[in-house]
Every structure is written in C-alpha cells, then in structure tokens.
Amino acid sequence: MANIKSAKKRVLVTQVKTERNKSIKSAVKTAIRKVEAAVAENDKAASEEALKNAISIITKACNKGVYHKNNAARKVSRLSKLVNGVQ
C-alpha cells in the first residue's frame, strides 16, 4: 500500500473510475444483447427501437472516454448492419 498522501488518493480515484467504467461497459453490453435478441425474434420495430437506444448508450460511453471512438463506431456499425438485415 502507498505511504504518500497523493499516491493514496490516486489509488482511491482509480477505484472510483474503475467502478464507473465497469458500470458503463455493462450497460453497453446489455444494450447490444437487447438488439441482438430483437433481431433473433425478427421483430423489425423492436430491433430498431433497441438499436436507437444502444447507439445512444454507446455514444455516451465514447464521449466519457470509456471506449475509443473507432471502437464505438465499429459497435454501432455492426449493430446497424444486423438490424438492416431484418425483414
């Protein structure tokens, strides 16, 4: 364990940021699963609504620095491609 005050603070700040990032990543994964589930049921309306929600969550995660912009763009692109394939 760190002895210097600033090092102790960095440990605490890192823990807080880790929990925040974990929560955001979990929300993104959940949103992606919802889109994939709607696509699996061939429900066009539900999949488009889930996609809209997922894009919003992914974009917020990107803006907060949890995901790199290219990673977020890749996730959105794959989901959009998946939803566009639904009849």
N, C-alpha and C. Protein backbone atom coordinates (compact mmCIF):
# COMPACT_ATOMS: atom_id res chain seq x y z
N MET A 1 0.84 -1.19 0.00
CA MET A 1 0.00 0.00 0.00
C MET A 1 0.88 1.25 0.00
N ALA A 2 0.39 2.27 -0.65
CA ALA A 2 1.15 3.51 -0.77
C ALA A 2 1.23 4.24 0.58
N ASN A 3 2.34 4.93 0.80
CA ASN A 3 2.53 5.71 2.02
C ASN A 3 2.33 7.20 1.79
N ILE A 4 2.57 7.64 0.55
CA ILE A 4 2.47 9.06 0.24
C ILE A 4 1.00 9.42 0.03
N LYS A 5 0.64 10.59 0.54
CA LYS A 5 -0.77 11.02 0.50
C LYS A 5 -1.32 11.07 -0.92
N SER A 6 -0.55 11.62 -1.85
CA SER A 6 -1.03 11.74 -3.23
C SER A 6 -1.19 10.36 -3.88
N ALA A 7 -0.32 9.43 -3.51
CA ALA A 7 -0.42 8.07 -4.06
C ALA A 7 -1.66 7.37 -3.52
N LYS A 8 -1.97 7.61 -2.24
CA LYS A 8 -3.19 7.03 -1.66
C LYS A 8 -4.42 7.57 -2.38
N LYS A 9 -4.39 8.87 -2.67
CA LYS A 9 -5.51 9.48 -3.38
C LYS A 9 -5.66 8.87 -4.78
N ARG A 10 -4.55 8.66 -5.47
CA ARG A 10 -4.60 8.08 -6.81
C ARG A 10 -5.23 6.69 -6.77
N VAL A 11 -4.92 5.92 -5.72
CA VAL A 11 -5.49 4.58 -5.58
C VAL A 11 -7.01 4.68 -5.46
N LEU A 12 -7.49 5.61 -4.63
CA LEU A 12 -8.92 5.78 -4.45
C LEU A 12 -9.60 6.26 -5.73
N VAL A 13 -8.97 7.21 -6.41
CA VAL A 13 -9.54 7.74 -7.65
C VAL A 13 -9.61 6.65 -8.71
N THR A 14 -8.59 5.82 -8.78
CA THR A 14 -8.56 4.72 -9.74
C THR A 14 -9.69 3.73 -9.47
N GLN A 15 -9.93 3.44 -8.20
CA GLN A 15 -11.02 2.52 -7.84
C GLN A 15 -12.37 3.08 -8.27
N VAL A 16 -12.59 4.37 -8.05
CA VAL A 16 -13.85 5.01 -8.42
C VAL A 16 -14.03 4.96 -9.93
N LYS A 17 -12.98 5.31 -10.67
CA LYS A 17 -13.07 5.31 -12.13
C LYS A 17 -13.27 3.91 -12.68
N THR A 18 -12.64 2.92 -12.05
CA THR A 18 -12.79 1.53 -12.49
C THR A 18 -14.23 1.08 -12.34
N GLU A 19 -14.85 1.40 -11.21
CA GLU A 19 -16.25 1.03 -10.98
C GLU A 19 -17.17 1.73 -11.98
N ARG A 20 -16.91 3.01 -12.25
CA ARG A 20 -17.72 3.77 -13.20
C ARG A 20 -17.61 3.17 -14.60
N ASN A 21 -16.37 2.87 -15.01
CA ASN A 21 -16.16 2.30 -16.34
C ASN A 21 -16.81 0.93 -16.46
N LYS A 22 -16.73 0.14 -15.39
CA LYS A 22 -17.33 -1.19 -15.40
C LYS A 22 -18.84 -1.10 -15.57
N SER A 23 -19.45 -0.15 -14.88
CA SER A 23 -20.88 0.05 -14.98
C SER A 23 -21.30 0.46 -16.39
N ILE A 24 -20.54 1.38 -16.97
CA ILE A 24 -20.86 1.86 -18.32
C ILE A 24 -20.68 0.74 -19.34
N LYS A 25 -19.61 -0.02 -19.23
CA LYS A 25 -19.37 -1.12 -20.17
C LYS A 25 -20.47 -2.18 -20.05
N SER A 26 -20.93 -2.42 -18.85
CA SER A 26 -22.00 -3.38 -18.63
C SER A 26 -23.29 -2.91 -19.30
N ALA A 27 -23.57 -1.62 -19.19
CA ALA A 27 -24.77 -1.06 -19.83
C ALA A 27 -24.70 -1.19 -21.34
N VAL A 28 -23.51 -0.98 -21.90
CA VAL A 28 -23.33 -1.11 -23.35
C VAL A 28 -23.58 -2.56 -23.78
N LYS A 29 -23.01 -3.49 -23.05
CA LYS A 29 -23.18 -4.90 -23.39
C LYS A 29 -24.64 -5.32 -23.30
N THR A 30 -25.34 -4.83 -22.30
CA THR A 30 -26.76 -5.13 -22.15
C THR A 30 -27.56 -4.58 -23.32
N ALA A 31 -27.26 -3.36 -23.74
CA ALA A 31 -27.96 -2.75 -24.87
C ALA A 31 -27.71 -3.54 -26.14
N ILE A 32 -26.48 -4.00 -26.33
CA ILE A 32 -26.15 -4.79 -27.52
C ILE A 32 -26.91 -6.11 -27.50
N ARG A 33 -26.99 -6.76 -26.33
CA ARG A 33 -27.73 -8.02 -26.22
C ARG A 33 -29.21 -7.83 -26.53
N LYS A 34 -29.77 -6.69 -26.13
CA LYS A 34 -31.18 -6.41 -26.41
C LYS A 34 -31.42 -6.28 -27.91
N VAL A 35 -30.50 -5.63 -28.60
CA VAL A 35 -30.62 -5.51 -30.06
C VAL A 35 -30.54 -6.89 -30.70
N GLU A 36 -29.56 -7.67 -30.29
CA GLU A 36 -29.39 -9.00 -30.87
C GLU A 36 -30.58 -9.90 -30.59
N ALA A 37 -31.19 -9.76 -29.41
CA ALA A 37 -32.37 -10.56 -29.08
C ALA A 37 -33.56 -10.16 -29.95
N ALA A 38 -33.73 -8.87 -30.18
CA ALA A 38 -34.83 -8.39 -31.03
C ALA A 38 -34.64 -8.85 -32.47
N VAL A 39 -33.40 -8.85 -32.94
CA VAL A 39 -33.10 -9.32 -34.30
C VAL A 39 -33.37 -10.82 -34.40
N ALA A 40 -33.02 -11.56 -33.36
CA ALA A 40 -33.24 -13.02 -33.37
C ALA A 40 -34.73 -13.35 -33.46
N GLU A 41 -35.58 -12.48 -32.92
CA GLU A 41 -37.03 -12.69 -32.99
C GLU A 41 -37.63 -12.15 -34.28
N ASN A 42 -36.81 -11.57 -35.15
CA ASN A 42 -37.26 -10.96 -36.42
C ASN A 42 -38.31 -9.88 -36.19
N ASP A 43 -38.16 -9.13 -35.12
CA ASP A 43 -39.08 -8.03 -34.81
C ASP A 43 -38.43 -6.73 -35.25
N LYS A 44 -38.87 -6.24 -36.41
CA LYS A 44 -38.26 -5.05 -37.02
C LYS A 44 -38.40 -3.81 -36.13
N ALA A 45 -39.61 -3.57 -35.63
CA ALA A 45 -39.86 -2.37 -34.83
C ALA A 45 -39.06 -2.41 -33.52
N ALA A 46 -39.08 -3.55 -32.86
CA ALA A 46 -38.37 -3.66 -31.59
C ALA A 46 -36.86 -3.55 -31.79
N SER A 47 -36.36 -4.14 -32.87
CA SER A 47 -34.92 -4.08 -33.11
C SER A 47 -34.47 -2.66 -33.45
N GLU A 48 -35.30 -1.91 -34.18
CA GLU A 48 -34.95 -0.52 -34.49
C GLU A 48 -34.97 0.35 -33.23
N GLU A 49 -35.94 0.11 -32.37
CA GLU A 49 -36.02 0.86 -31.11
C GLU A 49 -34.82 0.52 -30.21
N ALA A 50 -34.48 -0.78 -30.14
CA ALA A 50 -33.34 -1.20 -29.33
C ALA A 50 -32.04 -0.65 -29.91
N LEU A 51 -31.95 -0.58 -31.23
CA LEU A 51 -30.76 -0.02 -31.88
C LEU A 51 -30.60 1.45 -31.53
N LYS A 52 -31.70 2.19 -31.59
CA LYS A 52 -31.66 3.62 -31.26
C LYS A 52 -31.15 3.82 -29.83
N ASN A 53 -31.65 3.01 -28.91
CA ASN A 53 -31.22 3.08 -27.51
C ASN A 53 -29.75 2.69 -27.37
N ALA A 54 -29.34 1.64 -28.07
CA ALA A 54 -27.96 1.16 -27.98
C ALA A 54 -26.98 2.20 -28.52
N ILE A 55 -27.34 2.84 -29.64
CA ILE A 55 -26.47 3.86 -30.22
C ILE A 55 -26.28 5.01 -29.23
N SER A 56 -27.35 5.39 -28.56
CA SER A 56 -27.27 6.46 -27.57
C SER A 56 -26.32 6.08 -26.43
N ILE A 57 -26.45 4.88 -25.92
CA ILE A 57 -25.62 4.43 -24.81
C ILE A 57 -24.15 4.30 -25.23
N ILE A 58 -23.92 3.76 -26.43
CA ILE A 58 -22.55 3.60 -26.92
C ILE A 58 -21.89 4.96 -27.13
N THR A 59 -22.64 5.91 -27.69
CA THR A 59 -22.11 7.25 -27.92
C THR A 59 -21.75 7.94 -26.61
N LYS A 60 -22.61 7.79 -25.60
CA LYS A 60 -22.31 8.38 -24.30
C LYS A 60 -21.05 7.77 -23.69
N ALA A 61 -20.91 6.45 -23.84
CA ALA A 61 -19.72 5.78 -23.31
C ALA A 61 -18.46 6.28 -24.02
N CYS A 62 -18.57 6.51 -25.32
CA CYS A 62 -17.44 7.04 -26.09
C CYS A 62 -17.09 8.45 -25.64
N ASN A 63 -18.11 9.28 -25.44
CA ASN A 63 -17.87 10.66 -25.02
C ASN A 63 -17.25 10.74 -23.63
N LYS A 64 -17.54 9.76 -22.79
CA LYS A 64 -16.97 9.74 -21.44
C LYS A 64 -15.57 9.14 -21.42
N GLY A 65 -15.11 8.64 -22.56
CA GLY A 65 -13.76 8.11 -22.65
C GLY A 65 -13.63 6.65 -22.28
N VAL A 66 -14.75 5.96 -22.14
CA VAL A 66 -14.70 4.54 -21.79
C VAL A 66 -14.29 3.72 -23.00
N TYR A 67 -14.80 4.09 -24.17
CA TYR A 67 -14.45 3.43 -25.42
C TYR A 67 -13.78 4.41 -26.36
N HIS A 68 -12.85 3.93 -27.16
CA HIS A 68 -12.24 4.75 -28.22
C HIS A 68 -13.30 5.00 -29.29
N LYS A 69 -13.20 6.11 -29.99
CA LYS A 69 -14.23 6.48 -30.97
C LYS A 69 -14.35 5.44 -32.07
N ASN A 70 -13.24 4.83 -32.49
CA ASN A 70 -13.32 3.81 -33.54
C ASN A 70 -13.99 2.54 -33.03
N ASN A 71 -13.75 2.21 -31.78
CA ASN A 71 -14.39 1.05 -31.17
C ASN A 71 -15.90 1.27 -31.11
N ALA A 72 -16.31 2.46 -30.68
CA ALA A 72 -17.74 2.79 -30.60
C ALA A 72 -18.36 2.76 -32.00
N ALA A 73 -17.67 3.32 -32.97
CA ALA A 73 -18.18 3.35 -34.35
C ALA A 73 -18.33 1.92 -34.89
N ARG A 74 -17.39 1.05 -34.56
CA ARG A 74 -17.45 -0.34 -35.01
C ARG A 74 -18.66 -1.05 -34.41
N LYS A 75 -18.90 -0.82 -33.12
CA LYS A 75 -20.05 -1.44 -32.46
C LYS A 75 -21.36 -0.97 -33.10
N VAL A 76 -21.47 0.34 -33.33
CA VAL A 76 -22.68 0.91 -33.93
C VAL A 76 -22.88 0.36 -35.34
N SER A 77 -21.79 0.28 -36.09
CA SER A 77 -21.87 -0.20 -37.46
C SER A 77 -22.34 -1.66 -37.52
N ARG A 78 -21.79 -2.48 -36.66
CA ARG A 78 -22.17 -3.90 -36.65
C ARG A 78 -23.63 -4.08 -36.27
N LEU A 79 -24.08 -3.31 -35.27
CA LEU A 79 -25.48 -3.41 -34.86
C LEU A 79 -26.41 -2.91 -35.97
N SER A 80 -26.03 -1.81 -36.61
CA SER A 80 -26.85 -1.26 -37.69
C SER A 80 -26.96 -2.26 -38.84
N LYS A 81 -25.86 -2.88 -39.17
CA LYS A 81 -25.85 -3.90 -40.23
C LYS A 81 -26.75 -5.07 -39.87
N LEU A 82 -26.72 -5.45 -38.61
CA LEU A 82 -27.54 -6.56 -38.12
C LEU A 82 -29.02 -6.22 -38.23
N VAL A 83 -29.39 -5.01 -37.81
CA VAL A 83 -30.80 -4.58 -37.83
C VAL A 83 -31.29 -4.41 -39.25
N ASN A 84 -30.42 -3.90 -40.14
CA ASN A 84 -30.82 -3.70 -41.53
C ASN A 84 -31.10 -5.02 -42.24
N GLY A 85 -30.56 -6.11 -41.73
CA GLY A 85 -30.80 -7.43 -42.33
C GLY A 85 -32.13 -8.05 -41.95
N VAL A 86 -32.84 -7.43 -41.00
CA VAL A 86 -34.12 -7.98 -40.55
C VAL A 86 -35.20 -7.64 -41.58
N GLN A 87 -36.00 -8.63 -41.93
CA GLN A 87 -37.07 -8.41 -42.92
C GLN A 87 -38.28 -7.79 -42.27
